[in-house]
Amino acid sequence: MNELKIRARIESSPIMEHEAFAAQWYSDRADDFVKIRQSSIRFGETQDVTEKEFWKSARADGRVRTFPGFATMLSNQEKEPWNEERDGVLRLVDYVDRRRNDFSHEGCASFAGLSAAHILGLPTLASHSEKVDRQVPPPRSSFTGVFSRTRRAIVEPVTIKVAGLPVSSIPQTVVDLARWEGPMDGLIAGDFMLHEGLGTTAQVADIVGRLPRVAGIHNARLVLALMDSRVESPGESLTRWRFYEAGIAGLEPQVRVQTPSGGFRMDLFDASRGVDIEFDGVEKIANPLMRGGKSFGEAMADEARRQRELRHVGIQVYRLEWKDVITKESFERWLMRMRRYGLPY
């Protein structure tokens, strides 16, 4: 289907980049870490003379052992898996940071990579290891301990302080994720950064531009080229990556179409083929929190009307969910299924 067959006005969303919300975001993430830090105590930082006394006092307070000489008051509040994982990473970061003064070579190490992403609240798909990620500036050497893995940066990394923690900045973390974890995680974090107003493409470009030909530089340049402030969710970022990975181009995020009976916004739109890709379409109807106060029946009726209107003006809608994009193989299966329904890829 070509563009001329779409009988409606198509409007691209504006690309807006700024860092107006970065300061408040860093402040809020600092508050998150302080809450985690206040939940734990470490032997040697209390008035207990012996370790036996320390553990006796800790148990009396309802704390549990989380690390050697480290006791934590765990929350009994049920949380989403991502938030549970993040709390665990922040506790590990807290433990490693409190031990910083025990070793003379630790002072210049900053939290980086996946550890920085958790501290900064950036979404990722890669699972955090049992060691925190850190890096040191040149000419320091890399080293690995029981609870941390520290890389030597090729050039001085851009760092900030979050509740006293030395941490890679958000743009620096986007670059590090792309290089160390792969372009998928770099793109998810990069899109999120741009959409939330936490950094700009120019800041990422400056960091990438200072890097020589090092491992992962191609991934960082690829993420820099693909990042888009219009992408509204990690799921949409992952969907974009799967299409790119499959060699399918031409999908533009958050495009608005004005039909005779109203306007609709599309997650990913291919004007040359008249294709609207909607991420998490079923969730938007099934989840009461995403229905905007509408009943299930009302949401179903609205979605059916939307789909009819788009089809009437020459746009075909295809839907996918997390399970369809979580792996390359699941996305390929989705493509095969949708081709039976006319998906032109």
Protein backbone atom coordinates (compact mmCIF):
# COMPACT_ATOMS: atom_id res chain seq x y z
CA MET A 1 0.00 0.00 0.00
CA ASN A 2 1.43 3.38 -0.87
CA GLU A 3 1.05 6.69 0.90
CA LEU A 4 -1.49 8.09 -1.58
CA LYS A 5 -4.08 5.48 -0.59
CA ILE A 6 -4.27 6.75 2.99
CA ARG A 7 -7.35 8.98 2.95
CA ALA A 8 -6.58 10.97 6.08
CA ARG A 9 -4.30 13.70 7.35
CA ILE A 10 -1.11 12.34 8.89
CA GLU A 11 0.79 14.41 11.46
CA SER A 12 4.17 13.49 12.91
CA SER A 13 4.70 14.25 16.58
CA PRO A 14 7.35 16.92 17.25
CA ILE A 15 10.80 15.74 18.28
CA MET A 16 11.56 17.52 21.54
CA GLU A 17 14.84 17.16 23.40
CA HIS A 18 15.88 18.82 26.64
CA GLU A 19 17.14 18.00 30.13
CA ALA A 20 14.68 20.17 32.02
CA PHE A 21 13.69 17.34 34.38
CA ALA A 22 17.12 15.84 35.01
CA ALA A 23 17.82 17.71 38.27
CA GLN A 24 14.52 16.67 39.85
CA TRP A 25 14.94 13.13 38.56
CA TYR A 26 18.39 12.84 40.15
CA SER A 27 16.98 14.26 43.39
CA ASP A 28 14.11 11.75 43.44
CA ARG A 29 16.48 8.86 42.77
CA ALA A 30 18.69 10.10 45.62
CA ASP A 31 15.63 9.90 47.89
CA ASP A 32 15.05 6.32 46.73
CA PHE A 33 18.60 5.37 47.67
CA VAL A 34 18.47 7.12 51.04
CA LYS A 35 15.39 5.04 51.97
CA ILE A 36 17.27 1.87 51.10
CA ARG A 37 20.35 3.01 53.05
CA GLN A 38 18.28 3.83 56.12
CA SER A 39 16.87 0.28 56.13
CA SER A 40 20.31 -1.31 56.70
CA ILE A 41 22.96 -1.30 59.40
CA ARG A 42 26.56 -2.50 59.23
CA PHE A 43 28.73 -3.97 61.93
CA GLY A 44 31.32 -1.41 62.94
CA GLU A 45 28.93 1.46 62.35
CA THR A 46 26.81 0.70 65.42
CA GLN A 47 27.55 0.78 69.14
CA ASP A 48 27.71 -3.01 69.36
CA VAL A 49 31.15 -4.09 70.58
CA THR A 50 31.09 -7.62 69.20
CA GLU A 51 29.58 -9.10 66.05
CA LYS A 52 27.47 -11.40 68.23
CA GLU A 53 25.94 -8.38 69.95
CA PHE A 54 25.39 -6.77 66.54
CA TRP A 55 23.37 -9.69 65.21
CA LYS A 56 21.41 -10.00 68.43
CA SER A 57 20.37 -6.34 68.20
CA ALA A 58 19.65 -6.66 64.47
CA ARG A 59 17.37 -9.66 64.94
CA ALA A 60 15.58 -7.91 67.79
CA ASP A 61 14.80 -5.07 65.38
CA GLY A 62 13.45 -7.52 62.79
CA ARG A 63 16.44 -7.20 60.45
CA VAL A 64 17.85 -10.04 58.38
CA ARG A 65 21.37 -10.77 57.13
CA THR A 66 21.79 -9.61 53.55
CA PHE A 67 25.61 -9.40 53.33
CA PRO A 68 28.52 -10.18 55.66
CA GLY A 69 28.18 -7.92 58.69
CA PHE A 70 25.17 -6.23 57.09
CA ALA A 71 21.57 -6.42 58.33
CA THR A 72 18.52 -5.05 56.58
CA MET A 73 14.93 -4.29 57.48
CA LEU A 74 13.13 -5.79 54.47
CA SER A 75 9.82 -4.32 53.41
CA ASN A 76 6.78 -6.59 53.51
CA GLN A 77 5.10 -4.47 50.86
CA GLU A 78 4.52 -6.40 47.64
CA LYS A 79 6.25 -4.78 44.67
CA GLU A 80 6.51 -5.30 40.95
CA PRO A 81 9.43 -7.57 39.90
CA TRP A 82 11.39 -4.62 38.45
CA ASN A 83 11.11 -2.68 41.72
CA GLU A 84 12.02 -5.76 43.76
CA GLU A 85 15.13 -6.24 41.64
CA ARG A 86 16.00 -2.57 41.89
CA ASP A 87 15.73 -2.61 45.70
CA GLY A 88 18.07 -5.60 45.79
CA VAL A 89 20.60 -3.85 43.56
CA LEU A 90 20.44 -0.68 45.64
CA ARG A 91 21.10 -2.70 48.80
CA LEU A 92 24.15 -4.24 47.11
CA VAL A 93 25.29 -0.78 46.00
CA ASP A 94 24.83 0.48 49.56
CA TYR A 95 26.91 -2.37 50.94
CA VAL A 96 29.73 -1.87 48.45
CA ASP A 97 29.73 1.88 49.00
CA ARG A 98 29.92 1.54 52.78
CA ARG A 99 32.97 -0.69 52.35
CA ARG A 100 34.63 1.90 50.09
CA ASN A 101 36.73 3.38 52.88
CA ASP A 102 38.07 -0.07 53.78
CA PHE A 103 40.23 -0.09 50.65
CA SER A 104 42.59 2.66 49.55
CA HIS A 105 42.08 2.01 45.81
CA GLU A 106 38.29 2.41 45.90
CA GLY A 107 38.00 6.18 46.08
CA CYS A 108 37.93 6.95 42.35
CA ALA A 109 35.53 4.18 41.30
CA SER A 110 32.06 5.27 40.18
CA PHE A 111 28.98 3.10 39.77
CA ALA A 112 28.31 2.44 36.10
CA GLY A 113 26.48 0.24 33.58
CA LEU A 114 23.53 -1.77 34.90
CA SER A 115 24.25 -0.66 38.47
CA ALA A 116 24.04 2.99 37.43
CA ALA A 117 20.84 2.26 35.49
CA HIS A 118 19.22 0.86 38.65
CA ILE A 119 20.44 3.75 40.79
CA LEU A 120 19.16 6.23 38.19
CA GLY A 121 15.87 4.43 37.55
CA LEU A 122 16.54 3.73 33.87
CA PRO A 123 14.69 0.76 32.35
CA THR A 124 16.71 -2.19 31.08
CA LEU A 125 16.05 -5.78 30.05
CA ALA A 126 19.40 -7.30 31.01
CA SER A 127 19.47 -8.85 34.48
CA HIS A 128 21.85 -7.42 37.03
CA SER A 129 24.61 -9.78 38.15
CA GLU A 130 25.63 -10.51 41.73
CA LYS A 131 28.37 -7.91 41.41
CA VAL A 132 27.95 -4.16 41.03
CA ASP A 133 29.34 -2.52 37.91
CA ARG A 134 31.82 0.32 38.37
CA GLN A 135 34.49 2.04 36.35
CA VAL A 136 37.61 4.03 37.10
CA PRO A 137 39.16 6.75 34.93
CA PRO A 138 42.49 6.25 33.17
CA PRO A 139 45.23 5.49 34.10
CA ARG A 140 43.72 3.42 36.92
CA SER A 141 43.54 -0.35 36.47
CA SER A 142 40.47 -2.57 36.40
CA PHE A 143 39.89 -4.97 39.28
CA THR A 144 37.26 -7.46 40.41
CA GLY A 145 36.23 -8.23 43.96
CA VAL A 146 33.69 -10.48 45.60
CA PHE A 147 30.88 -7.96 45.23
CA SER A 148 32.04 -5.64 42.46
CA ARG A 149 33.48 -5.61 38.96
CA THR A 150 35.39 -2.46 38.04
CA ARG A 151 36.36 -1.58 34.49
CA ARG A 152 38.97 0.93 33.41
CA ALA A 153 37.40 3.67 31.29
CA ILE A 154 39.20 4.58 28.07
CA VAL A 155 38.41 8.26 28.57
CA GLU A 156 37.23 10.11 31.67
CA PRO A 157 33.56 9.16 32.20
CA VAL A 158 30.90 11.79 32.91
CA THR A 159 29.83 11.27 36.51
CA ILE A 160 27.51 12.89 39.04
CA LYS A 161 26.72 12.44 42.73
CA VAL A 162 23.45 10.80 43.80
CA ALA A 163 23.01 10.86 47.58
CA GLY A 164 26.79 11.02 47.84
CA LEU A 165 27.31 8.11 45.44
CA PRO A 166 29.62 8.67 42.46
CA VAL A 167 27.52 7.48 39.51
CA SER A 168 27.74 7.73 35.74
CA SER A 169 25.44 10.44 34.40
CA ILE A 170 22.32 9.37 32.53
CA PRO A 171 23.83 10.05 29.05
CA GLN A 172 27.03 8.25 30.08
CA THR A 173 24.97 5.28 31.31
CA VAL A 174 23.14 5.09 27.97
CA VAL A 175 26.51 4.82 26.19
CA ASP A 176 27.87 2.28 28.69
CA LEU A 177 24.76 0.11 28.42
CA ALA A 178 25.01 0.12 24.64
CA ARG A 179 28.68 -0.88 24.78
CA TRP A 180 28.56 -3.40 27.62
CA GLU A 181 25.05 -4.91 27.43
CA GLY A 182 24.20 -4.35 23.77
CA PRO A 183 22.21 -1.91 21.62
CA MET A 184 18.83 -3.20 22.81
CA ASP A 185 19.38 -2.05 26.40
CA GLY A 186 21.13 1.11 25.23
CA LEU A 187 18.17 2.02 23.04
CA ILE A 188 15.57 1.34 25.74
CA ALA A 189 17.47 3.59 28.17
CA GLY A 190 18.22 6.19 25.48
CA ASP A 191 14.60 6.52 24.33
CA PHE A 192 13.50 6.77 27.97
CA MET A 193 16.08 9.49 28.69
CA LEU A 194 14.94 11.59 25.72
CA HIS A 195 11.22 11.14 26.31
CA GLU A 196 11.44 12.02 30.01
CA GLY A 197 13.61 15.08 29.39
CA LEU A 198 16.61 13.69 31.28
CA GLY A 199 19.26 14.28 28.62
CA THR A 200 19.79 14.98 24.95
CA THR A 201 21.16 13.32 21.85
CA ALA A 202 23.92 15.96 21.79
CA GLN A 203 25.14 14.84 25.24
CA VAL A 204 25.29 11.21 24.13
CA ALA A 205 26.99 12.25 20.88
CA ASP A 206 29.66 14.13 22.82
CA ILE A 207 30.48 11.06 24.92
CA VAL A 208 30.50 8.74 21.89
CA GLY A 209 32.60 11.24 19.93
CA ARG A 210 35.35 11.19 22.56
CA LEU A 211 35.67 7.41 22.42
CA PRO A 212 38.30 5.83 20.19
CA ARG A 213 37.71 2.53 18.39
CA VAL A 214 36.95 0.40 21.43
CA ALA A 215 34.79 -2.65 22.09
CA GLY A 216 31.12 -1.78 21.72
CA ILE A 217 31.64 1.56 19.96
CA HIS A 218 29.53 0.39 16.99
CA ASN A 219 26.65 -0.38 19.36
CA ALA A 220 26.93 3.06 20.94
CA ARG A 221 26.87 4.76 17.54
CA LEU A 222 23.88 2.67 16.49
CA VAL A 223 21.92 3.64 19.62
CA LEU A 224 22.83 7.28 19.01
CA ALA A 225 21.37 7.04 15.50
CA LEU A 226 18.16 5.25 16.58
CA MET A 227 17.19 7.11 19.79
CA ASP A 228 13.93 9.04 19.52
CA SER A 229 12.25 11.29 22.09
CA ARG A 230 8.80 10.40 20.77
CA VAL A 231 8.94 6.80 21.96
CA GLU A 232 6.74 6.57 25.04
CA SER A 233 7.58 3.24 26.70
CA PRO A 234 10.30 0.60 27.00
CA GLY A 235 7.95 -1.81 25.22
CA GLU A 236 7.77 0.48 22.21
CA SER A 237 11.57 0.83 22.25
CA LEU A 238 11.96 -2.94 22.28
CA THR A 239 9.42 -3.26 19.44
CA ARG A 240 11.37 -0.72 17.38
CA TRP A 241 14.55 -2.68 18.02
CA ARG A 242 12.96 -5.98 16.91
CA PHE A 243 11.80 -4.42 13.63
CA TYR A 244 15.25 -2.90 13.09
CA GLU A 245 16.90 -6.23 13.92
CA ALA A 246 14.66 -7.92 11.34
CA GLY A 247 15.75 -5.42 8.67
CA ILE A 248 12.35 -3.68 8.57
CA ALA A 249 12.59 0.11 8.23
CA GLY A 250 10.11 2.95 7.84
CA LEU A 251 8.25 2.84 11.16
CA GLU A 252 7.79 6.25 12.78
CA PRO A 253 6.79 6.56 16.45
CA GLN A 254 3.72 8.37 17.77
CA VAL A 255 2.12 9.55 14.54
CA ARG A 256 -1.34 11.12 14.64
CA VAL A 257 -3.96 10.43 11.98
CA GLN A 258 -6.98 12.68 11.59
CA THR A 259 -9.98 10.79 10.17
CA PRO A 260 -13.44 12.25 9.37
CA SER A 261 -14.74 11.10 12.76
CA GLY A 262 -11.77 11.91 14.98
CA GLY A 263 -8.06 11.77 15.61
CA PHE A 264 -6.02 8.74 16.63
CA ARG A 265 -2.42 8.33 17.67
CA MET A 266 -0.42 5.31 16.49
CA ASP A 267 2.51 3.78 18.35
CA LEU A 268 4.52 2.97 15.21
CA PHE A 269 3.36 3.93 11.74
CA ASP A 270 4.63 2.99 8.29
CA ALA A 271 3.19 5.56 5.88
CA SER A 272 4.53 3.79 2.80
CA ARG A 273 2.52 0.65 3.59
CA GLY A 274 -0.33 2.01 5.67
CA VAL A 275 0.64 -0.11 8.70
CA ASP A 276 -0.05 0.81 12.34
CA ILE A 277 1.85 -1.28 14.92
CA GLU A 278 0.32 -1.10 18.39
CA PHE A 279 2.31 -2.35 21.36
CA ASP A 280 0.47 -3.91 24.33
CA GLY A 281 -2.91 -3.39 22.66
CA VAL A 282 -4.65 -6.08 24.71
CA GLU A 283 -3.19 -4.72 27.97
CA LYS A 284 -4.65 -1.28 27.22
CA ILE A 285 -8.10 -2.85 27.22
CA ALA A 286 -7.75 -5.58 29.86
CA ASN A 287 -5.94 -3.51 32.50
CA PRO A 288 -8.37 -1.22 34.41
CA LEU A 289 -5.54 1.21 35.17
CA MET A 290 -5.03 1.83 31.44
CA ARG A 291 -8.70 2.29 30.47
CA GLY A 292 -9.08 5.85 31.72
CA GLY A 293 -12.13 5.08 33.85
CA LYS A 294 -13.95 3.18 31.10
CA SER A 295 -15.50 -0.25 31.57
CA PHE A 296 -14.08 -3.23 29.73
CA GLY A 297 -17.04 -3.16 27.32
CA GLU A 298 -16.62 0.55 26.63
CA ALA A 299 -12.89 0.16 26.01
CA MET A 300 -13.55 -2.76 23.65
CA ALA A 301 -16.15 -0.76 21.73
CA ASP A 302 -13.84 2.27 21.45
CA GLU A 303 -10.99 0.11 20.19
CA ALA A 304 -13.20 -1.61 17.63
CA ARG A 305 -14.38 1.80 16.37
CA ARG A 306 -10.79 3.03 16.19
CA GLN A 307 -9.77 0.00 14.17
CA ARG A 308 -12.73 0.41 11.78
CA GLU A 309 -11.94 4.08 11.24
CA LEU A 310 -8.29 3.42 10.51
CA ARG A 311 -9.14 0.60 8.15
CA HIS A 312 -11.63 2.87 6.38
CA VAL A 313 -8.93 5.42 5.58
CA GLY A 314 -6.47 2.75 4.40
CA ILE A 315 -4.52 1.87 7.57
CA GLN A 316 -4.29 -1.70 8.84
CA VAL A 317 -3.67 -2.24 12.57
CA TYR A 318 -1.45 -5.03 13.94
CA ARG A 319 -0.99 -5.61 17.67
CA LEU A 320 1.73 -7.20 19.71
CA GLU A 321 2.58 -7.66 23.39
CA TRP A 322 5.62 -8.22 25.58
CA LYS A 323 5.54 -11.95 24.89
CA ASP A 324 5.84 -11.20 21.16
CA VAL A 325 8.98 -9.05 21.44
CA ILE A 326 10.78 -10.37 24.51
CA THR A 327 13.05 -12.50 22.33
CA LYS A 328 14.14 -12.40 18.71
CA GLU A 329 12.56 -15.81 18.17
CA SER A 330 9.18 -14.78 19.62
CA PHE A 331 9.13 -11.74 17.34
CA GLU A 332 9.89 -13.87 14.30
CA ARG A 333 6.95 -16.11 15.22
CA TRP A 334 4.71 -13.05 15.52
CA LEU A 335 5.81 -11.88 12.07
CA MET A 336 4.94 -15.27 10.57
CA ARG A 337 1.48 -15.23 12.17
CA MET A 338 0.70 -11.68 11.10
CA ARG A 339 1.75 -12.31 7.51
CA ARG A 340 -1.31 -14.54 7.24
CA TYR A 341 -3.38 -11.44 8.01
CA GLY A 342 -1.68 -9.27 5.43
CA LEU A 343 1.34 -7.87 7.27
CA PRO A 344 3.50 -6.72 4.33
CA TYR A 345 6.92 -7.53 5.82
